[in-house]
């Protein structure tokens, strides 16, 4: 599914959360799709199941997944404006990043092209 950097300073569960969020956002993992079981993923990545469980819990707290008792974790259907607080955080972060990019010489056209690239999904390079 993906690889983790065991030498990174970033905790493994945070890397796992980021990787899974990326797969969800880029539609590699579809709405209501079941995530691998904690046991399966722990074996595949050769990491402690508690680490997987912690990452899955974090994804659920952030609204990317939901769990069904006895069935596992699933990708939450995307809901625009579901989390207005999170959306505002992202908006503020983007403003900072855009300001920095423009300061460093990136043009508005380049920024728009980047947005279009991201909108294009996983098969758009």
PDB file of N, CA and C in Angstrom:
ATOM      1  N   UNK A   1       0.832  -1.200   0.000  1.00  0.00           N
ATOM      2  CA  UNK A   1       0.000   0.000   0.000  1.00  0.00           C
ATOM      3  C   UNK A   1       0.874   1.261   0.000  1.00  0.00           C
ATOM      4  N   UNK A   2       1.839   1.341   0.918  1.00  0.00           N
ATOM      5  CA  UNK A   2       2.775   2.467   0.985  1.00  0.00           C
ATOM      6  C   UNK A   2       3.892   2.132   1.949  1.00  0.00           C
ATOM      7  N   UNK A   3       4.907   2.985   1.967  1.00  0.00           N
ATOM      8  CA  UNK A   3       6.039   2.761   2.857  1.00  0.00           C
ATOM      9  C   UNK A   3       6.137   3.907   3.860  1.00  0.00           C
ATOM     10  N   UNK A   4       6.678   3.576   5.030  1.00  0.00           N
ATOM     11  CA  UNK A   4       6.913   4.575   6.066  1.00  0.00           C
ATOM     12  C   UNK A   4       8.413   4.751   6.242  1.00  0.00           C
ATOM     13  N   UNK A   5       8.824   5.935   6.649  1.00  0.00           N
ATOM     14  CA  UNK A   5      10.237   6.221   6.877  1.00  0.00           C
ATOM     15  C   UNK A   5      10.557   5.992   8.350  1.00  0.00           C
ATOM     16  N   UNK A   6      11.155   4.849   8.631  1.00  0.00           N
ATOM     17  CA  UNK A   6      11.442   4.486  10.024  1.00  0.00           C
ATOM     18  C   UNK A   6      12.526   5.370  10.640  1.00  0.00           C
ATOM     19  N   UNK A   7      13.292   6.086   9.814  1.00  0.00           N
ATOM     20  CA  UNK A   7      14.353   6.958  10.329  1.00  0.00           C
ATOM     21  C   UNK A   7      13.882   8.391  10.535  1.00  0.00           C
ATOM     22  N   UNK A   8      12.664   8.675  10.122  1.00  0.00           N
ATOM     23  CA  UNK A   8      12.132  10.028  10.234  1.00  0.00           C
ATOM     24  C   UNK A   8      11.927  10.416  11.694  1.00  0.00           C
ATOM     25  N   UNK A   9      12.048  11.701  11.957  1.00  0.00           N
ATOM     26  CA  UNK A   9      11.754  12.209  13.306  1.00  0.00           C
ATOM     27  C   UNK A   9      10.261  12.227  13.572  1.00  0.00           C
ATOM     28  N   UNK A  10       9.475  12.211  12.503  1.00  0.00           N
ATOM     29  CA  UNK A  10       8.018  12.229  12.651  1.00  0.00           C
ATOM     30  C   UNK A  10       7.560  10.857  13.139  1.00  0.00           C
ATOM     31  N   UNK A  11       6.719  10.826  14.176  1.00  0.00           N
ATOM     32  CA  UNK A  11       6.232   9.536  14.681  1.00  0.00           C
ATOM     33  C   UNK A  11       5.561   8.710  13.576  1.00  0.00           C
ATOM     34  N   UNK A  12       5.691   7.398  13.701  1.00  0.00           N
ATOM     35  CA  UNK A  12       5.162   6.491  12.689  1.00  0.00           C
ATOM     36  C   UNK A  12       3.659   6.666  12.529  1.00  0.00           C
ATOM     37  N   UNK A  13       2.926   6.833  13.636  1.00  0.00           N
ATOM     38  CA  UNK A  13       1.479   6.955  13.516  1.00  0.00           C
ATOM     39  C   UNK A  13       1.099   8.222  12.745  1.00  0.00           C
ATOM     40  N   UNK A  14       1.884   9.315  12.898  1.00  0.00           N
ATOM     41  CA  UNK A  14       1.610  10.548  12.155  1.00  0.00           C
ATOM     42  C   UNK A  14       1.882  10.348  10.666  1.00  0.00           C
ATOM     43  N   UNK A  15       2.950   9.618  10.346  1.00  0.00           N
ATOM     44  CA  UNK A  15       3.235   9.315   8.941  1.00  0.00           C
ATOM     45  C   UNK A  15       2.087   8.503   8.341  1.00  0.00           C
ATOM     46  N   UNK A  16       1.608   7.547   9.120  1.00  0.00           N
ATOM     47  CA  UNK A  16       0.510   6.698   8.671  1.00  0.00           C
ATOM     48  C   UNK A  16      -0.756   7.527   8.441  1.00  0.00           C
ATOM     49  N   UNK A  17      -1.060   8.438   9.355  1.00  0.00           N
ATOM     50  CA  UNK A  17      -2.225   9.313   9.211  1.00  0.00           C
ATOM     51  C   UNK A  17      -2.091  10.131   7.926  1.00  0.00           C
ATOM     52  N   UNK A  18      -0.913  10.724   7.703  1.00  0.00           N
ATOM     53  CA  UNK A  18      -0.699  11.538   6.503  1.00  0.00           C
ATOM     54  C   UNK A  18      -0.865  10.722   5.235  1.00  0.00           C
ATOM     55  N   UNK A  19      -0.293   9.521   5.202  1.00  0.00           N
ATOM     56  CA  UNK A  19      -0.373   8.667   4.009  1.00  0.00           C
ATOM     57  C   UNK A  19      -1.827   8.281   3.728  1.00  0.00           C
ATOM     58  N   UNK A  20      -2.555   7.886   4.769  1.00  0.00           N
ATOM     59  CA  UNK A  20      -3.947   7.486   4.579  1.00  0.00           C
ATOM     60  C   UNK A  20      -4.810   8.680   4.170  1.00  0.00           C
ATOM     61  N   UNK A  21      -4.576   9.842   4.765  1.00  0.00           N
ATOM     62  CA  UNK A  21      -5.316  11.041   4.369  1.00  0.00           C
ATOM     63  C   UNK A  21      -5.063  11.341   2.892  1.00  0.00           C
ATOM     64  N   UNK A  22      -3.814  11.212   2.466  1.00  0.00           N
ATOM     65  CA  UNK A  22      -3.487  11.456   1.060  1.00  0.00           C
ATOM     66  C   UNK A  22      -4.244  10.486   0.152  1.00  0.00           C
ATOM     67  N   UNK A  23      -4.298   9.215   0.535  1.00  0.00           N
ATOM     68  CA  UNK A  23      -5.009   8.215  -0.267  1.00  0.00           C
ATOM     69  C   UNK A  23      -6.506   8.512  -0.321  1.00  0.00           C
ATOM     70  N   UNK A  24      -7.049   9.026   0.773  1.00  0.00           N
ATOM     71  CA  UNK A  24      -8.473   9.367   0.819  1.00  0.00           C
ATOM     72  C   UNK A  24      -8.747  10.614  -0.026  1.00  0.00           C
ATOM     73  N   UNK A  25      -7.933  11.642   0.174  1.00  0.00           N
ATOM     74  CA  UNK A  25      -8.126  12.909  -0.546  1.00  0.00           C
ATOM     75  C   UNK A  25      -7.959  12.715  -2.045  1.00  0.00           C
ATOM     76  N   UNK A  26      -7.018  11.884  -2.449  1.00  0.00           N
ATOM     77  CA  UNK A  26      -6.769  11.675  -3.881  1.00  0.00           C
ATOM     78  C   UNK A  26      -7.664  10.577  -4.479  1.00  0.00           C
ATOM     79  N   UNK A  27      -8.670  10.134  -3.720  1.00  0.00           N
ATOM     80  CA  UNK A  27      -9.662   9.143  -4.176  1.00  0.00           C
ATOM     81  C   UNK A  27      -9.082   7.776  -4.496  1.00  0.00           C
ATOM     82  N   UNK A  28      -7.906   7.468  -3.999  1.00  0.00           N
ATOM     83  CA  UNK A  28      -7.388   6.102  -4.130  1.00  0.00           C
ATOM     84  C   UNK A  28      -8.244   5.196  -3.239  1.00  0.00           C
ATOM     85  N   UNK A  29      -8.546   5.692  -2.042  1.00  0.00           N
ATOM     86  CA  UNK A  29      -9.504   5.018  -1.160  1.00  0.00           C
ATOM     87  C   UNK A  29     -10.841   5.734  -1.338  1.00  0.00           C
ATOM     88  N   UNK A  30     -11.868   4.991  -1.735  1.00  0.00           N
ATOM     89  CA  UNK A  30     -13.170   5.561  -2.063  1.00  0.00           C
ATOM     90  C   UNK A  30     -14.072   5.661  -0.827  1.00  0.00           C
ATOM     91  N   UNK A  31     -15.121   6.470  -0.943  1.00  0.00           N
ATOM     92  CA  UNK A  31     -16.107   6.601   0.126  1.00  0.00           C
ATOM     93  C   UNK A  31     -16.650   5.238   0.527  1.00  0.00           C
ATOM     94  N   UNK A  32     -16.758   5.035   1.827  1.00  0.00           N
ATOM     95  CA  UNK A  32     -17.286   3.799   2.423  1.00  0.00           C
ATOM     96  C   UNK A  32     -16.423   2.565   2.162  1.00  0.00           C
ATOM     97  N   UNK A  33     -15.228   2.752   1.592  1.00  0.00           N
ATOM     98  CA  UNK A  33     -14.315   1.625   1.385  1.00  0.00           C
ATOM     99  C   UNK A  33     -13.707   1.234   2.731  1.00  0.00           C
ATOM    100  N   UNK A  34     -13.596  -0.070   2.944  1.00  0.00           N
ATOM    101  CA  UNK A  34     -13.028  -0.580   4.192  1.00  0.00           C
ATOM    102  C   UNK A  34     -11.510  -0.428   4.167  1.00  0.00           C
ATOM    103  N   UNK A  35     -10.962   0.096   5.257  1.00  0.00           N
ATOM    104  CA  UNK A  35      -9.514   0.162   5.402  1.00  0.00           C
ATOM    105  C   UNK A  35      -9.004  -1.218   5.782  1.00  0.00           C
ATOM    106  N   UNK A  36      -7.724  -1.495   5.515  1.00  0.00           N
ATOM    107  CA  UNK A  36      -7.177  -2.789   5.952  1.00  0.00           C
ATOM    108  C   UNK A  36      -7.340  -2.928   7.470  1.00  0.00           C
ATOM    109  N   UNK A  37      -7.515  -4.154   7.921  1.00  0.00           N
ATOM    110  CA  UNK A  37      -7.650  -4.362   9.363  1.00  0.00           C
ATOM    111  C   UNK A  37      -6.342  -3.958  10.044  1.00  0.00           C
ATOM    112  N   UNK A  38      -6.442  -3.664  11.323  1.00  0.00           N
ATOM    113  CA  UNK A  38      -5.265  -3.288  12.099  1.00  0.00           C
ATOM    114  C   UNK A  38      -4.216  -4.387  11.997  1.00  0.00           C
ATOM    115  N   UNK A  39      -4.637  -5.618  12.139  1.00  0.00           N
ATOM    116  CA  UNK A  39      -3.714  -6.759  12.081  1.00  0.00           C
ATOM    117  C   UNK A  39      -3.038  -6.868  10.718  1.00  0.00           C
ATOM    118  N   UNK A  40      -3.834  -6.771   9.628  1.00  0.00           N
ATOM    119  CA  UNK A  40      -3.275  -6.864   8.273  1.00  0.00           C
ATOM    120  C   UNK A  40      -2.218  -5.789   8.032  1.00  0.00           C
ATOM    121  N   UNK A  41      -2.575  -4.542   8.370  1.00  0.00           N
ATOM    122  CA  UNK A  41      -1.667  -3.438   8.108  1.00  0.00           C
ATOM    123  C   UNK A  41      -0.422  -3.528   8.985  1.00  0.00           C
ATOM    124  N   UNK A  42      -0.583  -3.968  10.230  1.00  0.00           N
ATOM    125  CA  UNK A  42       0.570  -4.132  11.117  1.00  0.00           C
ATOM    126  C   UNK A  42       1.541  -5.170  10.556  1.00  0.00           C
ATOM    127  N   UNK A  43       1.007  -6.257  10.016  1.00  0.00           N
ATOM    128  CA  UNK A  43       1.860  -7.279   9.416  1.00  0.00           C
ATOM    129  C   UNK A  43       2.521  -6.774   8.145  1.00  0.00           C
ATOM    130  N   UNK A  44       1.753  -6.080   7.310  1.00  0.00           N
ATOM    131  CA  UNK A  44       2.277  -5.576   6.040  1.00  0.00           C
ATOM    132  C   UNK A  44       3.408  -4.573   6.274  1.00  0.00           C
ATOM    133  N   UNK A  45       3.213  -3.675   7.246  1.00  0.00           N
ATOM    134  CA  UNK A  45       4.205  -2.626   7.501  1.00  0.00           C
ATOM    135  C   UNK A  45       5.221  -3.019   8.575  1.00  0.00           C
ATOM    136  N   UNK A  46       5.016  -4.184   9.163  1.00  0.00           N
ATOM    137  CA  UNK A  46       5.846  -4.677  10.274  1.00  0.00           C
ATOM    138  C   UNK A  46       6.011  -3.620  11.367  1.00  0.00           C
ATOM    139  N   UNK A  47       4.859  -3.135  11.840  1.00  0.00           N
ATOM    140  CA  UNK A  47       4.845  -2.215  12.984  1.00  0.00           C
ATOM    141  C   UNK A  47       3.798  -2.676  13.988  1.00  0.00           C
ATOM    142  N   UNK A  48       3.879  -2.134  15.174  1.00  0.00           N
ATOM    143  CA  UNK A  48       3.008  -2.518  16.274  1.00  0.00           C
ATOM    144  C   UNK A  48       1.539  -2.198  15.942  1.00  0.00           C
ATOM    145  N   UNK A  49       0.631  -3.152  16.182  1.00  0.00           N
ATOM    146  CA  UNK A  49      -0.792  -2.900  15.934  1.00  0.00           C
ATOM    147  C   UNK A  49      -1.338  -1.685  16.703  1.00  0.00           C
ATOM    148  N   UNK A  50      -0.779  -1.411  17.877  1.00  0.00           N
ATOM    149  CA  UNK A  50      -1.226  -0.246  18.644  1.00  0.00           C
ATOM    150  C   UNK A  50      -0.960   1.061  17.883  1.00  0.00           C
ATOM    151  N   UNK A  51       0.106   1.078  17.100  1.00  0.00           N
ATOM    152  CA  UNK A  51       0.433   2.251  16.285  1.00  0.00           C
ATOM    153  C   UNK A  51      -0.623   2.447  15.200  1.00  0.00           C
ATOM    154  N   UNK A  52      -1.032   1.350  14.580  1.00  0.00           N
ATOM    155  CA  UNK A  52      -2.083   1.409  13.560  1.00  0.00           C
ATOM    156  C   UNK A  52      -3.380   1.890  14.200  1.00  0.00           C
ATOM    157  N   UNK A  53      -3.702   1.329  15.348  1.00  0.00           N
ATOM    158  CA  UNK A  53      -4.933   1.691  16.051  1.00  0.00           C
ATOM    159  C   UNK A  53      -4.945   3.182  16.385  1.00  0.00           C
ATOM    160  N   UNK A  54      -3.807   3.702  16.824  1.00  0.00           N
ATOM    161  CA  UNK A  54      -3.697   5.125  17.159  1.00  0.00           C
ATOM    162  C   UNK A  54      -3.926   5.984  15.914  1.00  0.00           C
ATOM    163  N   UNK A  55      -3.359   5.576  14.782  1.00  0.00           N
ATOM    164  CA  UNK A  55      -3.544   6.310  13.526  1.00  0.00           C
ATOM    165  C   UNK A  55      -5.010   6.259  13.097  1.00  0.00           C
ATOM    166  N   UNK A  56      -5.638   5.096  13.182  1.00  0.00           N
ATOM    167  CA  UNK A  56      -7.041   4.961  12.798  1.00  0.00           C
ATOM    168  C   UNK A  56      -7.933   5.827  13.689  1.00  0.00           C
ATOM    169  N   UNK A  57      -7.613   5.863  14.984  1.00  0.00           N
ATOM    170  CA  UNK A  57      -8.379   6.708  15.919  1.00  0.00           C
ATOM    171  C   UNK A  57      -8.261   8.180  15.529  1.00  0.00           C
ATOM    172  N   UNK A  58      -7.038   8.597  15.194  1.00  0.00           N
ATOM    173  CA  UNK A  58      -6.795   9.986  14.798  1.00  0.00           C
ATOM    174  C   UNK A  58      -7.554  10.331  13.522  1.00  0.00           C
ATOM    175  N   UNK A  59      -7.560   9.432  12.547  1.00  0.00           N
ATOM    176  CA  UNK A  59      -8.303   9.664  11.302  1.00  0.00           C
ATOM    177  C   UNK A  59      -9.802   9.798  11.574  1.00  0.00           C
ATOM    178  N   UNK A  60     -10.294   9.021  12.518  1.00  0.00           N
ATOM    179  CA  UNK A  60     -11.719   9.105  12.862  1.00  0.00           C
ATOM    180  C   UNK A  60     -12.019  10.433  13.562  1.00  0.00           C
ATOM    181  N   UNK A  61     -11.149  10.847  14.461  1.00  0.00           N
ATOM    182  CA  UNK A  61     -11.323  12.131  15.154  1.00  0.00           C
ATOM    183  C   UNK A  61     -11.343  13.278  14.145  1.00  0.00           C
ATOM    184  N   UNK A  62     -10.478  13.195  13.134  1.00  0.00           N
ATOM    185  CA  UNK A  62     -10.395  14.248  12.121  1.00  0.00           C
ATOM    186  C   UNK A  62     -11.513  14.156  11.086  1.00  0.00           C
ATOM    187  N   UNK A  63     -12.319  13.100  11.141  1.00  0.00           N
ATOM    188  CA  UNK A  63     -13.469  12.987  10.246  1.00  0.00           C
ATOM    189  C   UNK A  63     -13.201  12.314   8.918  1.00  0.00           C
ATOM    190  N   UNK A  64     -12.029  11.706   8.751  1.00  0.00           N
ATOM    191  CA  UNK A  64     -11.709  11.044   7.487  1.00  0.00           C
ATOM    192  C   UNK A  64     -12.260   9.619   7.426  1.00  0.00           C
ATOM    193  N   UNK A  65     -12.482   9.017   8.583  1.00  0.00           N
ATOM    194  CA  UNK A  65     -12.974   7.644   8.620  1.00  0.00           C
ATOM    195  C   UNK A  65     -14.065   7.514   9.679  1.00  0.00           C
ATOM    196  N   UNK A  66     -14.745   6.394   9.627  1.00  0.00           N
ATOM    197  CA  UNK A  66     -15.685   6.021  10.681  1.00  0.00           C
ATOM    198  C   UNK A  66     -15.492   4.539  10.943  1.00  0.00           C
ATOM    199  N   UNK A  67     -15.864   4.099  12.132  1.00  0.00           N
ATOM    200  CA  UNK A  67     -15.703   2.681  12.426  1.00  0.00           C
ATOM    201  C   UNK A  67     -17.058   2.055  12.725  1.00  0.00           C
ATOM    202  N   UNK A  68     -17.154   0.779  12.375  1.00  0.00           N
ATOM    203  CA  UNK A  68     -18.342  -0.012  12.650  1.00  0.00           C
ATOM    204  C   UNK A  68     -17.880  -1.144  13.554  1.00  0.00           C
ATOM    205  N   UNK A  69     -18.461  -1.204  14.724  1.00  0.00           N
ATOM    206  CA  UNK A  69     -18.039  -2.201  15.710  1.00  0.00           C
ATOM    207  C   UNK A  69     -18.095  -3.606  15.112  1.00  0.00           C
ATOM    208  N   UNK A  70     -16.973  -4.297  15.211  1.00  0.00           N
ATOM    209  CA  UNK A  70     -16.879  -5.660  14.708  1.00  0.00           C
ATOM    210  C   UNK A  70     -16.631  -5.770  13.209  1.00  0.00           C
ATOM    211  N   UNK A  71     -16.677  -4.645  12.503  1.00  0.00           N
ATOM    212  CA  UNK A  71     -16.496  -4.666  11.042  1.00  0.00           C
ATOM    213  C   UNK A  71     -15.207  -3.983  10.601  1.00  0.00           C
ATOM    214  N   UNK A  72     -14.784  -2.922  11.313  1.00  0.00           N
ATOM    215  CA  UNK A  72     -13.554  -2.235  10.945  1.00  0.00           C
ATOM    216  C   UNK A  72     -13.756  -0.756  10.701  1.00  0.00           C
ATOM    217  N   UNK A  73     -12.755  -0.154  10.060  1.00  0.00           N
ATOM    218  CA  UNK A  73     -12.775   1.271   9.749  1.00  0.00           C
ATOM    219  C   UNK A  73     -13.045   1.469   8.265  1.00  0.00           C
ATOM    220  N   UNK A  74     -13.794   2.528   7.961  1.00  0.00           N
ATOM    221  CA  UNK A  74     -14.203   2.816   6.594  1.00  0.00           C
ATOM    222  C   UNK A  74     -13.963   4.291   6.278  1.00  0.00           C
ATOM    223  N   UNK A  75     -13.801   4.594   4.977  1.00  0.00           N
ATOM    224  CA  UNK A  75     -13.602   5.973   4.542  1.00  0.00           C
ATOM    225  C   UNK A  75     -14.927   6.714   4.660  1.00  0.00           C
ATOM    226  N   UNK A  76     -14.879   7.860   5.338  1.00  0.00           N
ATOM    227  CA  UNK A  76     -16.061   8.693   5.513  1.00  0.00           C
ATOM    228  C   UNK A  76     -16.404   9.376   4.197  1.00  0.00           C
ATOM    229  N   UNK A  77     -17.681   9.395   3.805  1.00  0.00           N
ATOM    230  CA  UNK A  77     -18.046  10.148   2.605  1.00  0.00           C
ATOM    231  C   UNK A  77     -17.670  11.616   2.773  1.00  0.00           C
ATOM    232  N   UNK A  78     -17.132  12.201   1.724  1.00  0.00           N
ATOM    233  CA  UNK A  78     -16.733  13.608   1.775  1.00  0.00           C
ATOM    234  C   UNK A  78     -17.968  14.467   1.930  1.00  0.00           C
ATOM    235  N   UNK A  79     -17.863  15.438   2.812  1.00  0.00           N
ATOM    236  CA  UNK A  79     -18.977  16.338   3.044  1.00  0.00           C
ATOM    237  C   UNK A  79     -18.444  17.757   3.092  1.00  0.00           C
ATOM    238  N   UNK A  80     -18.689  18.545   2.036  1.00  0.00           N
ATOM    239  CA  UNK A  80     -18.168  19.904   2.037  1.00  0.00           C
ATOM    240  C   UNK A  80     -18.706  20.687   3.224  1.00  0.00           C
ATOM    241  N   UNK A  81     -17.834  21.471   3.805  1.00  0.00           N
ATOM    242  CA  UNK A  81     -18.172  22.360   4.915  1.00  0.00           C
ATOM    243  C   UNK A  81     -18.606  21.620   6.170  1.00  0.00           C
ATOM    244  N   UNK A  82     -18.277  20.326   6.259  1.00  0.00           N
ATOM    245  CA  UNK A  82     -18.646  19.555   7.438  1.00  0.00           C
ATOM    246  C   UNK A  82     -17.938  20.101   8.670  1.00  0.00           C
ATOM    247  N   UNK A  83     -16.677  20.433   8.499  1.00  0.00           N
ATOM    248  CA  UNK A  83     -15.898  20.922   9.630  1.00  0.00           C
ATOM    249  C   UNK A  83     -15.424  22.337   9.303  1.00  0.00           C
ATOM    250  N   UNK A  84     -16.254  23.303   9.646  1.00  0.00           N
ATOM    251  CA  UNK A  84     -15.947  24.701   9.301  1.00  0.00           C
ATOM    252  C   UNK A  84     -14.661  25.172   9.966  1.00  0.00           C
ATOM    253  N   UNK A  85     -14.396  24.703  11.174  1.00  0.00           N
ATOM    254  CA  UNK A  85     -13.171  25.095  11.874  1.00  0.00           C
ATOM    255  C   UNK A  85     -11.940  24.602  11.110  1.00  0.00           C
ATOM    256  N   UNK A  86     -11.952  23.332  10.702  1.00  0.00           N
ATOM    257  CA  UNK A  86     -10.834  22.756   9.949  1.00  0.00           C
ATOM    258  C   UNK A  86     -10.679  23.458   8.602  1.00  0.00           C
ATOM    259  N   UNK A  87     -11.794  23.759   7.962  1.00  0.00           N
ATOM    260  CA  UNK A  87     -11.755  24.447   6.679  1.00  0.00           C
ATOM    261  C   UNK A  87     -11.111  25.822   6.829  1.00  0.00           C
ATOM    262  N   UNK A  88     -11.435  26.526   7.899  1.00  0.00           N
ATOM    263  CA  UNK A  88     -10.842  27.846   8.139  1.00  0.00           C
ATOM    264  C   UNK A  88      -9.342  27.728   8.418  1.00  0.00           C
ATOM    265  N   UNK A  89      -8.938  26.700   9.157  1.00  0.00           N
ATOM    266  CA  UNK A  89      -7.507  26.461   9.402  1.00  0.00           C
ATOM    267  C   UNK A  89      -6.763  26.262   8.084  1.00  0.00           C
ATOM    268  N   UNK A  90      -7.334  25.450   7.212  1.00  0.00           N
ATOM    269  CA  UNK A  90      -6.705  25.181   5.912  1.00  0.00           C
ATOM    270  C   UNK A  90      -6.641  26.462   5.087  1.00  0.00           C
ATOM    271  N   UNK A  91      -7.719  27.235   5.108  1.00  0.00           N
ATOM    272  CA  UNK A  91      -7.757  28.497   4.357  1.00  0.00           C
ATOM    273  C   UNK A  91      -6.648  29.444   4.821  1.00  0.00           C
ATOM    274  N   UNK A  92      -6.474  29.566   6.134  1.00  0.00           N
ATOM    275  CA  UNK A  92      -5.421  30.436   6.671  1.00  0.00           C
ATOM    276  C   UNK A  92      -4.033  29.935   6.289  1.00  0.00           C
ATOM    277  N   UNK A  93      -3.843  28.629   6.353  1.00  0.00           N
ATOM    278  CA  UNK A  93      -2.550  28.047   5.983  1.00  0.00           C
ATOM    279  C   UNK A  93      -2.257  28.272   4.501  1.00  0.00           C
ATOM    280  N   UNK A  94      -3.272  28.115   3.663  1.00  0.00           N
ATOM    281  CA  UNK A  94      -3.098  28.356   2.230  1.00  0.00           C
ATOM    282  C   UNK A  94      -2.737  29.817   1.958  1.00  0.00           C
ATOM    283  N   UNK A  95      -3.386  30.732   2.668  1.00  0.00           N
ATOM    284  CA  UNK A  95      -3.070  32.162   2.489  1.00  0.00           C
ATOM    285  C   UNK A  95      -1.590  32.412   2.777  1.00  0.00           C
ATOM    286  N   UNK A  96      -1.094  31.822   3.860  1.00  0.00           N
ATOM    287  CA  UNK A  96       0.326  31.982   4.211  1.00  0.00           C
ATOM    288  C   UNK A  96       1.217  31.394   3.120  1.00  0.00           C
ATOM    289  N   UNK A  97       0.875  30.198   2.670  1.00  0.00           N
ATOM    290  CA  UNK A  97       1.682  29.539   1.648  1.00  0.00           C
ATOM    291  C   UNK A  97       1.643  30.296   0.319  1.00  0.00           C
ATOM    292  N   UNK A  98       0.469  30.787  -0.070  1.00  0.00           N
ATOM    293  CA  UNK A  98       0.370  31.573  -1.302  1.00  0.00           C
ATOM    294  C   UNK A  98       1.197  32.842  -1.196  1.00  0.00           C
ATOM    295  N   UNK A  99       1.120  33.531  -0.046  1.00  0.00           N
ATOM    296  CA  UNK A  99       1.891  34.759   0.146  1.00  0.00           C
ATOM    297  C   UNK A  99       3.386  34.469   0.021  1.00  0.00           C
ATOM    298  N   UNK A 100       3.832  33.371   0.621  1.00  0.00           N
ATOM    299  CA  UNK A 100       5.251  33.002   0.545  1.00  0.00           C
ATOM    300  C   UNK A 100       5.647  32.656  -0.889  1.00  0.00           C
ATOM    301  N   UNK A 101       4.784  31.894  -1.585  1.00  0.00           N
ATOM    302  CA  UNK A 101       5.077  31.506  -2.962  1.00  0.00           C
ATOM    303  C   UNK A 101       5.186  32.738  -3.853  1.00  0.00           C
ATOM    304  N   UNK A 102       4.276  33.681  -3.697  1.00  0.00           N
ATOM    305  CA  UNK A 102       4.311  34.912  -4.498  1.00  0.00           C
ATOM    306  C   UNK A 102       5.560  35.718  -4.165  1.00  0.00           C
ATOM    307  N   UNK A 103       5.888  35.792  -2.886  1.00  0.00           N
ATOM    308  CA  UNK A 103       7.095  36.508  -2.462  1.00  0.00           C
ATOM    309  C   UNK A 103       8.345  35.901  -3.096  1.00  0.00           C
ATOM    310  N   UNK A 104       8.361  34.576  -3.218  1.00  0.00           N
ATOM    311  CA  UNK A 104       9.517  33.874  -3.787  1.00  0.00           C
ATOM    312  C   UNK A 104       9.516  33.879  -5.315  1.00  0.00           C
ATOM    313  N   UNK A 105       8.484  34.474  -5.914  1.00  0.00           N
ATOM    314  CA  UNK A 105       8.488  34.633  -7.365  1.00  0.00           C
ATOM    315  C   UNK A 105       7.516  33.770  -8.138  1.00  0.00           C
ATOM    316  N   UNK A 106       6.716  32.985  -7.469  1.00  0.00           N
ATOM    317  CA  UNK A 106       5.740  32.160  -8.175  1.00  0.00           C
ATOM    318  C   UNK A 106       4.626  33.071  -8.705  1.00  0.00           C
ATOM    319  N   UNK A 107       4.223  32.854  -9.940  1.00  0.00           N
ATOM    320  CA  UNK A 107       3.181  33.686 -10.536  1.00  0.00           C
ATOM    321  C   UNK A 107       1.797  33.154 -10.186  1.00  0.00           C
ATOM    322  N   UNK A 108       0.795  34.007 -10.337  1.00  0.00           N
ATOM    323  CA  UNK A 108      -0.588  33.598 -10.105  1.00  0.00           C
ATOM    324  C   UNK A 108      -0.959  32.472 -11.076  1.00  0.00           C
ATOM    325  N   UNK A 109      -0.460  32.568 -12.308  1.00  0.00           N
ATOM    326  CA  UNK A 109      -0.740  31.521 -13.296  1.00  0.00           C
ATOM    327  C   UNK A 109      -0.162  30.173 -12.840  1.00  0.00           C
ATOM    328  N   UNK A 110       1.029  30.200 -12.262  1.00  0.00           N
ATOM    329  CA  UNK A 110       1.640  28.962 -11.764  1.00  0.00           C
ATOM    330  C   UNK A 110       0.836  28.387 -10.599  1.00  0.00           C
ATOM    331  N   UNK A 111       0.341  29.261  -9.751  1.00  0.00           N
ATOM    332  CA  UNK A 111      -0.479  28.808  -8.618  1.00  0.00           C
ATOM    333  C   UNK A 111      -1.781  28.198  -9.139  1.00  0.00           C
ATOM    334  N   UNK A 112      -2.413  28.865 -10.112  1.00  0.00           N
ATOM    335  CA  UNK A 112      -3.645  28.329 -10.698  1.00  0.00           C
ATOM    336  C   UNK A 112      -3.389  26.982 -11.356  1.00  0.00           C
ATOM    337  N   UNK A 113      -2.260  26.850 -12.061  1.00  0.00           N
ATOM    338  CA  UNK A 113      -1.914  25.585 -12.702  1.00  0.00           C
ATOM    339  C   UNK A 113      -1.736  24.489 -11.654  1.00  0.00           C
ATOM    340  N   UNK A 114      -1.144  24.844 -10.534  1.00  0.00           N
ATOM    341  CA  UNK A 114      -0.952  23.886  -9.448  1.00  0.00           C
ATOM    342  C   UNK A 114      -2.297  23.435  -8.877  1.00  0.00           C
ATOM    343  N   UNK A 115      -3.210  24.382  -8.710  1.00  0.00           N
ATOM    344  CA  UNK A 115      -4.555  24.045  -8.222  1.00  0.00           C
ATOM    345  C   UNK A 115      -5.244  23.103  -9.206  1.00  0.00           C
ATOM    346  N   UNK A 116      -5.137  23.394 -10.490  1.00  0.00           N
ATOM    347  CA  UNK A 116      -5.737  22.530 -11.512  1.00  0.00           C
ATOM    348  C   UNK A 116      -5.110  21.132 -11.488  1.00  0.00           C
ATOM    349  N   UNK A 117      -3.804  21.076 -11.258  1.00  0.00           N
ATOM    350  CA  UNK A 117      -3.104  19.789 -11.167  1.00  0.00           C
ATOM    351  C   UNK A 117      -3.651  18.971 -10.004  1.00  0.00           C
ATOM    352  N   UNK A 118      -3.840  19.636  -8.874  1.00  0.00           N
ATOM    353  CA  UNK A 118      -4.366  18.946  -7.688  1.00  0.00           C
ATOM    354  C   UNK A 118      -5.812  18.488  -7.936  1.00  0.00           C
ATOM    355  N   UNK A 119      -6.613  19.338  -8.555  1.00  0.00           N
ATOM    356  CA  UNK A 119      -8.005  18.983  -8.851  1.00  0.00           C
ATOM    357  C   UNK A 119      -8.092  17.809  -9.801  1.00  0.00           C
ATOM    358  N   UNK A 120      -7.063  17.653 -10.660  1.00  0.00           N
ATOM    359  CA  UNK A 120      -7.060  16.587 -11.657  1.00  0.00           C
ATOM    360  C   UNK A 120      -7.054  15.199 -11.085  1.00  0.00           C
ATOM    361  N   UNK A 121      -6.669  15.048  -9.826  1.00  0.00           N
ATOM    362  CA  UNK A 121      -6.691  13.744  -9.189  1.00  0.00           C
ATOM    363  C   UNK A 121      -5.399  12.973  -9.359  1.00  0.00           C
ATOM    364  N   UNK A 122      -5.403  11.687  -8.937  1.00  0.00           N
ATOM    365  CA  UNK A 122      -4.187  10.887  -8.879  1.00  0.00           C
ATOM    366  C   UNK A 122      -3.575  10.554 -10.230  1.00  0.00           C
ATOM    367  N   UNK A 123      -4.403  10.504 -11.297  1.00  0.00           N
ATOM    368  CA  UNK A 123      -3.831  10.119 -12.589  1.00  0.00           C
ATOM    369  C   UNK A 123      -3.345  11.322 -13.389  1.00  0.00           C
ATOM    370  N   UNK A 124      -3.388  12.505 -12.799  1.00  0.00           N
ATOM    371  CA  UNK A 124      -2.967  13.727 -13.484  1.00  0.00           C
ATOM    372  C   UNK A 124      -1.575  14.104 -13.030  1.00  0.00           C
ATOM    373  N   UNK A 125      -0.603  14.032 -13.958  1.00  0.00           N
ATOM    374  CA  UNK A 125       0.780  14.407 -13.608  1.00  0.00           C
ATOM    375  C   UNK A 125       1.225  15.600 -14.388  1.00  0.00           C
TER     376      UNK A 125
END
